[in-house]
Structures are given as C-alpha cells and as structure tokens.
Amino acid sequence: MKMMMNHNIQFLSFKSFYLNLSPSIKSTIWITIVLVIVLLIVSKKLNKYDENQEPKGIILILEWLIDGINTACKETIGKRYRAIAPYIVTIAIFLFVANISGLFGLTPPTASVSVTICLGLMTFTLIQFFGIHSQGIKGHLKGFIDPNPLFLPINLIGEIATPFSLGLRLFGNILSGTVIMALIYSVLGYAAIIVAPPLHCYFDIFSGFIQTLVFCTLTMVFIAGKLPEDELEYFEKEETIE
C-alpha cells in the first residue's frame, strides 16, 4: 500500500513538473524521444542492410543526407571534416524536425530564444575547441590581437556575438512564421483551411529547411575560420592526387 502511495506521489510530482514546463521545452522532449526511437529503428535496419543491395527507403534518404553533409564539410573544413560532420548531421536533423514541428501541433522549440541561444552556444564551444586544438591556446588567443592589438575589443565583441547572432537569427525567422500562422488562424477561423496549406509549405517546410541550412553552413564556416589554410586545402590536394 505504501509503495503504491509513493508511486502515486512520484507520478503526481512528475506530472506537476511536466505541466510547469514551457511549451518549447515540452516540444523539445517529445522531438528528442521520437528522434531517438527513429534512430534506433534505422540502426537496426542498418545492421541488417546488405551493402550489395541498392539502397531504398529510409536508408536511401540517410545515405543522401550523410553524403551531402560530408561533401559540404570536406569543401568547407578540409581534412578535419570527419571530426565535425557527425555534429552537423545531428544538428541538421534536430533543427529541421524542430522547425517543422508546428505542422504536428507542437510549439517549435526553435521559436524559443532560450533553445536557439543554447544551440548557438554549442556551436560557439566547438568553434573555440577547434581554434585551440589547431593553433594551441597561445596561437588562439593571439588571433584576438590580429592584425593590431588595438583591434582586441572589436575582435572580442565579434567572437562573443557569434552564438547570439546564430541563435537570434534562427529564433527570429521561426518565431515570425509561427506568429503569422497563428494570426491567420485567429482571423480567418475555419476559412484558414483553404489558405493555410501553401503558407505552411513556405513558413514551416521551406523556411525550416533554409534556416537549418543557414545554421549548419555558418557553423562550418566559423569553424573553418579557426583552421590553418593548409588544412583547408588538404582535401583539394588529396583529390587532385587521386
């Protein structure tokens, strides 16, 4: 009896905690759960996949996505592309699903500034990591006083602004689409069913894809900016030799 009461109390506590979460955090939790389940199913299919067979279905989509991102990383980052490609794949899948989650009745997580700033800070951390890893701490810090020590304040502001510019750009574009669609539904009522589909195609699918592409591209560009030129040119030289 006591155990049942304890379970009920724990359930009510969890329920109260969940209900007090913001809509964007709830959406993030559900999207993460769904993506983990999908990835587990895909992983199971990959284990059974025969390399001699022609890829189809979700395997074909996954192969197209990974090949495309690997190519983009090679062209932008060079020989270190293998270190950053998994992050780009992960963030691209999450961002696109989050951006279009409004189609499924969820509040897009990327319409919350706290979520987008966190994503920007993750990218900012990677940028600093690659800068220190490739140049050393001394060389990385020296970059803040190039080409002249007088540029130190400007360089610091530019560096600190990176996660905020990434996060706020994503937040502003997704939020604007969400607000416009909410206004259309509130003004037109049931008549919105005629106007809404093409607008959803633009604000949710097209804009969601573009914002995902922009975020991932800027991530690769910022990381490439911290790498020496010889590392960026390595892949092109390797391809020429082959």
Protein backbone atom coordinates (compact mmCIF):
# COMPACT_ATOMS: atom_id res chain seq x y z
CA MET A 1 0.00 0.00 0.00
CA LYS A 2 2.78 2.39 0.95
CA MET A 3 4.63 1.56 -2.26
CA MET A 4 1.54 2.42 -4.33
CA MET A 5 1.17 5.70 -2.48
CA ASN A 6 4.85 6.50 -3.09
CA HIS A 7 4.46 5.73 -6.81
CA ASN A 8 1.36 7.92 -6.99
CA ILE A 9 3.15 10.78 -5.25
CA GLN A 10 6.13 10.44 -7.62
CA PHE A 11 3.80 10.37 -10.63
CA LEU A 12 1.92 13.47 -9.43
CA SER A 13 5.23 15.25 -8.79
CA PHE A 14 6.46 14.37 -12.28
CA LYS A 15 3.13 15.43 -13.79
CA SER A 16 3.27 18.75 -11.96
CA PHE A 17 6.87 19.26 -13.10
CA TYR A 18 5.98 18.44 -16.73
CA LEU A 19 2.92 20.73 -16.77
CA ASN A 20 5.02 23.63 -15.48
CA LEU A 21 7.48 23.32 -18.36
CA SER A 22 7.26 25.82 -21.21
CA PRO A 23 5.67 24.60 -24.48
CA SER A 24 9.03 24.79 -26.28
CA ILE A 25 10.72 22.55 -23.69
CA LYS A 26 7.84 20.05 -23.90
CA SER A 27 8.22 20.01 -27.69
CA THR A 28 11.98 19.50 -27.34
CA ILE A 29 11.41 16.49 -25.07
CA TRP A 30 8.92 14.87 -27.47
CA ILE A 31 11.04 15.57 -30.55
CA THR A 32 14.10 14.07 -28.83
CA ILE A 33 12.14 10.95 -27.83
CA VAL A 34 10.78 10.50 -31.37
CA LEU A 35 14.21 11.02 -32.96
CA VAL A 36 15.85 8.52 -30.60
CA ILE A 37 13.19 5.90 -31.45
CA VAL A 38 13.56 6.56 -35.20
CA LEU A 39 17.36 6.37 -34.99
CA LEU A 40 17.16 3.07 -33.09
CA ILE A 41 14.91 1.66 -35.84
CA VAL A 42 17.29 2.97 -38.53
CA SER A 43 20.27 1.49 -36.65
CA LYS A 44 18.53 -1.88 -36.58
CA LYS A 45 17.88 -1.68 -40.33
CA LEU A 46 21.48 -0.70 -41.00
CA ASN A 47 22.71 -3.77 -39.13
CA LYS A 48 20.62 -5.96 -41.45
CA TYR A 49 21.45 -3.95 -44.58
CA ASP A 50 23.35 -5.73 -47.33
CA GLU A 51 25.90 -3.42 -48.99
CA ASN A 52 25.43 -5.25 -52.30
CA GLN A 53 21.75 -4.25 -52.41
CA GLU A 54 20.57 -0.96 -53.89
CA PRO A 55 19.62 1.41 -51.04
CA LYS A 56 15.95 2.37 -50.81
CA GLY A 57 13.52 3.99 -48.40
CA ILE A 58 14.95 5.48 -45.24
CA ILE A 59 18.40 4.01 -45.99
CA LEU A 60 18.50 5.95 -49.27
CA ILE A 61 17.44 9.18 -47.53
CA LEU A 62 20.06 8.66 -44.82
CA GLU A 63 22.77 7.94 -47.39
CA TRP A 64 21.84 11.06 -49.37
CA LEU A 65 21.88 13.20 -46.20
CA ILE A 66 25.24 11.91 -44.94
CA ASP A 67 26.92 12.12 -48.36
CA GLY A 68 25.66 15.68 -48.83
CA ILE A 69 26.87 16.83 -45.41
CA ASN A 70 30.21 15.03 -45.77
CA THR A 71 30.78 16.76 -49.12
CA ALA A 72 29.87 20.16 -47.67
CA CYS A 73 32.18 19.59 -44.68
CA LYS A 74 35.04 18.48 -46.95
CA GLU A 75 34.73 21.57 -49.14
CA THR A 76 34.48 23.95 -46.17
CA ILE A 77 36.60 22.43 -43.40
CA GLY A 78 39.11 20.27 -45.28
CA LYS A 79 40.84 17.27 -43.78
CA ARG A 80 39.22 17.69 -40.35
CA TYR A 81 35.74 17.18 -41.80
CA ARG A 82 35.31 13.80 -40.08
CA ALA A 83 35.52 15.48 -36.66
CA ILE A 84 32.68 17.94 -37.34
CA ALA A 85 30.43 16.02 -39.78
CA PRO A 86 28.63 13.98 -37.03
CA TYR A 87 27.73 17.20 -35.20
CA ILE A 88 26.44 18.79 -38.41
CA VAL A 89 24.32 15.72 -39.21
CA THR A 90 22.87 15.67 -35.68
CA ILE A 91 22.11 19.38 -35.54
CA ALA A 92 20.65 19.36 -39.07
CA ILE A 93 18.20 16.54 -38.25
CA PHE A 94 17.16 18.12 -34.95
CA LEU A 95 16.78 21.62 -36.39
CA PHE A 96 14.72 20.55 -39.39
CA VAL A 97 12.36 18.40 -37.31
CA ALA A 98 12.09 21.18 -34.69
CA ASN A 99 11.39 23.80 -37.36
CA ILE A 100 8.56 21.81 -38.95
CA SER A 101 7.11 20.51 -35.66
CA GLY A 102 4.38 23.17 -35.86
CA LEU A 103 2.79 21.03 -38.59
CA PHE A 104 2.15 18.35 -35.94
CA GLY A 105 0.55 20.68 -33.40
CA LEU A 106 3.69 21.30 -31.35
CA THR A 107 5.26 24.61 -30.46
CA PRO A 108 8.53 24.72 -32.46
CA PRO A 109 11.42 24.61 -29.95
CA THR A 110 13.34 26.97 -32.22
CA ALA A 111 10.62 29.60 -31.64
CA SER A 112 12.07 29.93 -28.12
CA VAL A 113 15.11 32.15 -27.74
CA SER A 114 16.48 30.02 -24.88
CA VAL A 115 16.65 26.95 -27.13
CA THR A 116 18.26 28.75 -30.08
CA ILE A 117 20.82 30.51 -27.88
CA CYS A 118 21.76 27.14 -26.36
CA LEU A 119 22.29 25.77 -29.88
CA GLY A 120 24.40 28.84 -30.66
CA LEU A 121 26.48 28.27 -27.52
CA MET A 122 27.07 24.64 -28.53
CA THR A 123 28.43 25.81 -31.88
CA PHE A 124 30.45 28.55 -30.15
CA THR A 125 32.05 25.93 -27.88
CA LEU A 126 33.04 23.83 -30.90
CA ILE A 127 34.48 26.88 -32.65
CA GLN A 128 36.72 27.64 -29.66
CA PHE A 129 37.68 23.97 -29.30
CA PHE A 130 38.85 23.71 -32.91
CA GLY A 131 40.63 27.05 -32.62
CA ILE A 132 42.60 25.90 -29.56
CA HIS A 133 43.16 22.39 -30.95
CA SER A 134 44.60 23.60 -34.26
CA GLN A 135 46.53 26.68 -33.09
CA GLY A 136 47.19 25.98 -29.42
CA ILE A 137 45.97 28.24 -26.61
CA LYS A 138 48.64 30.85 -27.26
CA GLY A 139 48.01 30.95 -31.02
CA HIS A 140 44.25 31.05 -30.49
CA LEU A 141 44.45 33.98 -28.07
CA LYS A 142 46.92 35.72 -30.35
CA GLY A 143 44.25 35.79 -33.04
CA PHE A 144 42.29 38.31 -30.94
CA ILE A 145 45.02 40.94 -31.37
CA ASP A 146 45.45 40.46 -35.14
CA PRO A 147 46.25 42.49 -37.17
CA ASN A 148 46.84 45.04 -34.39
CA PRO A 149 46.42 44.97 -30.57
CA LEU A 150 44.04 47.93 -30.96
CA PHE A 151 41.57 45.51 -32.58
CA LEU A 152 41.28 43.44 -29.36
CA PRO A 153 37.92 44.95 -28.21
CA ILE A 154 36.41 44.59 -31.69
CA ASN A 155 37.63 41.02 -32.08
CA LEU A 156 36.31 40.08 -28.62
CA ILE A 157 32.90 41.59 -29.34
CA GLY A 158 32.78 39.81 -32.71
CA GLU A 159 33.64 36.48 -31.08
CA ILE A 160 31.16 36.84 -28.22
CA ALA A 161 28.44 37.92 -30.65
CA THR A 162 28.71 34.66 -32.65
CA PRO A 163 26.37 32.45 -30.56
CA PHE A 164 23.86 35.28 -30.18
CA SER A 165 23.81 36.07 -33.90
CA LEU A 166 23.33 32.36 -34.72
CA GLY A 167 20.63 31.90 -32.09
CA LEU A 168 18.73 35.14 -32.67
CA ARG A 169 18.70 34.71 -36.47
CA LEU A 170 17.17 31.26 -36.11
CA PHE A 171 14.76 32.38 -33.38
CA GLY A 172 13.54 35.44 -35.30
CA ASN A 173 12.84 33.58 -38.53
CA ILE A 174 11.00 30.65 -36.93
CA LEU A 175 9.06 32.84 -34.47
CA SER A 176 7.89 35.19 -37.24
CA GLY A 177 6.46 32.27 -39.22
CA THR A 178 4.74 30.88 -36.10
CA VAL A 179 3.20 34.28 -35.26
CA ILE A 180 1.97 34.84 -38.83
CA MET A 181 0.30 31.41 -38.96
CA ALA A 182 -1.30 31.98 -35.53
CA LEU A 183 -2.70 35.33 -36.74
CA ILE A 184 -4.09 33.73 -39.91
CA TYR A 185 -5.89 31.02 -37.92
CA SER A 186 -7.26 33.53 -35.40
CA VAL A 187 -8.51 35.97 -38.07
CA LEU A 188 -9.86 33.56 -40.69
CA GLY A 189 -11.13 30.82 -38.40
CA TYR A 190 -12.36 27.77 -40.32
CA ALA A 191 -11.70 29.57 -43.62
CA ALA A 192 -7.97 29.30 -42.85
CA ILE A 193 -8.11 25.68 -44.01
CA ILE A 194 -8.07 26.99 -47.60
CA VAL A 195 -5.23 29.50 -47.18
CA ALA A 196 -3.10 27.68 -44.59
CA PRO A 197 -1.63 24.71 -46.56
CA PRO A 198 0.52 26.74 -49.01
CA LEU A 199 1.57 29.07 -46.18
CA HIS A 200 2.59 26.07 -44.06
CA CYS A 201 4.66 24.85 -47.01
CA TYR A 202 6.53 28.14 -47.02
CA PHE A 203 6.80 29.09 -43.32
CA ASP A 204 7.27 25.57 -41.93
CA ILE A 205 8.85 23.38 -44.60
CA PHE A 206 10.72 25.78 -46.94
CA SER A 207 11.73 28.31 -44.28
CA GLY A 208 12.54 25.50 -41.83
CA PHE A 209 14.85 23.89 -44.38
CA ILE A 210 16.53 27.20 -45.25
CA GLN A 211 17.15 28.08 -41.59
CA THR A 212 18.61 24.62 -40.98
CA LEU A 213 20.89 25.06 -43.98
CA VAL A 214 21.97 28.56 -42.87
CA PHE A 215 22.74 27.46 -39.29
CA CYS A 216 24.77 24.43 -40.41
CA THR A 217 26.62 26.38 -43.12
CA LEU A 218 27.58 29.19 -40.73
CA THR A 219 28.74 26.60 -38.19
CA MET A 220 31.09 25.08 -40.78
CA VAL A 221 32.30 28.50 -41.96
CA PHE A 222 33.06 29.72 -38.41
CA ILE A 223 34.95 26.51 -37.59
CA ALA A 224 36.88 26.72 -40.88
CA GLY A 225 37.86 30.27 -39.93
CA LYS A 226 39.80 28.87 -36.96
CA LEU A 227 41.81 26.36 -39.02
CA PRO A 228 45.11 26.99 -40.84
CA GLU A 229 44.87 27.41 -44.63
CA ASP A 230 46.99 24.32 -45.30
CA GLU A 231 44.39 22.16 -43.51
CA LEU A 232 41.58 23.68 -45.54
CA GLU A 233 43.39 22.95 -48.80
CA TYR A 234 44.38 19.40 -47.85
CA PHE A 235 41.25 17.76 -49.25
CA GLU A 236 41.55 19.51 -52.62
CA LYS A 237 45.19 18.41 -52.92
CA GLU A 238 44.24 14.86 -51.93
CA GLU A 239 41.51 14.75 -54.56
CA THR A 240 43.89 16.10 -57.22
CA ILE A 241 46.48 13.44 -56.44
CA GLU A 242 43.84 10.70 -56.64
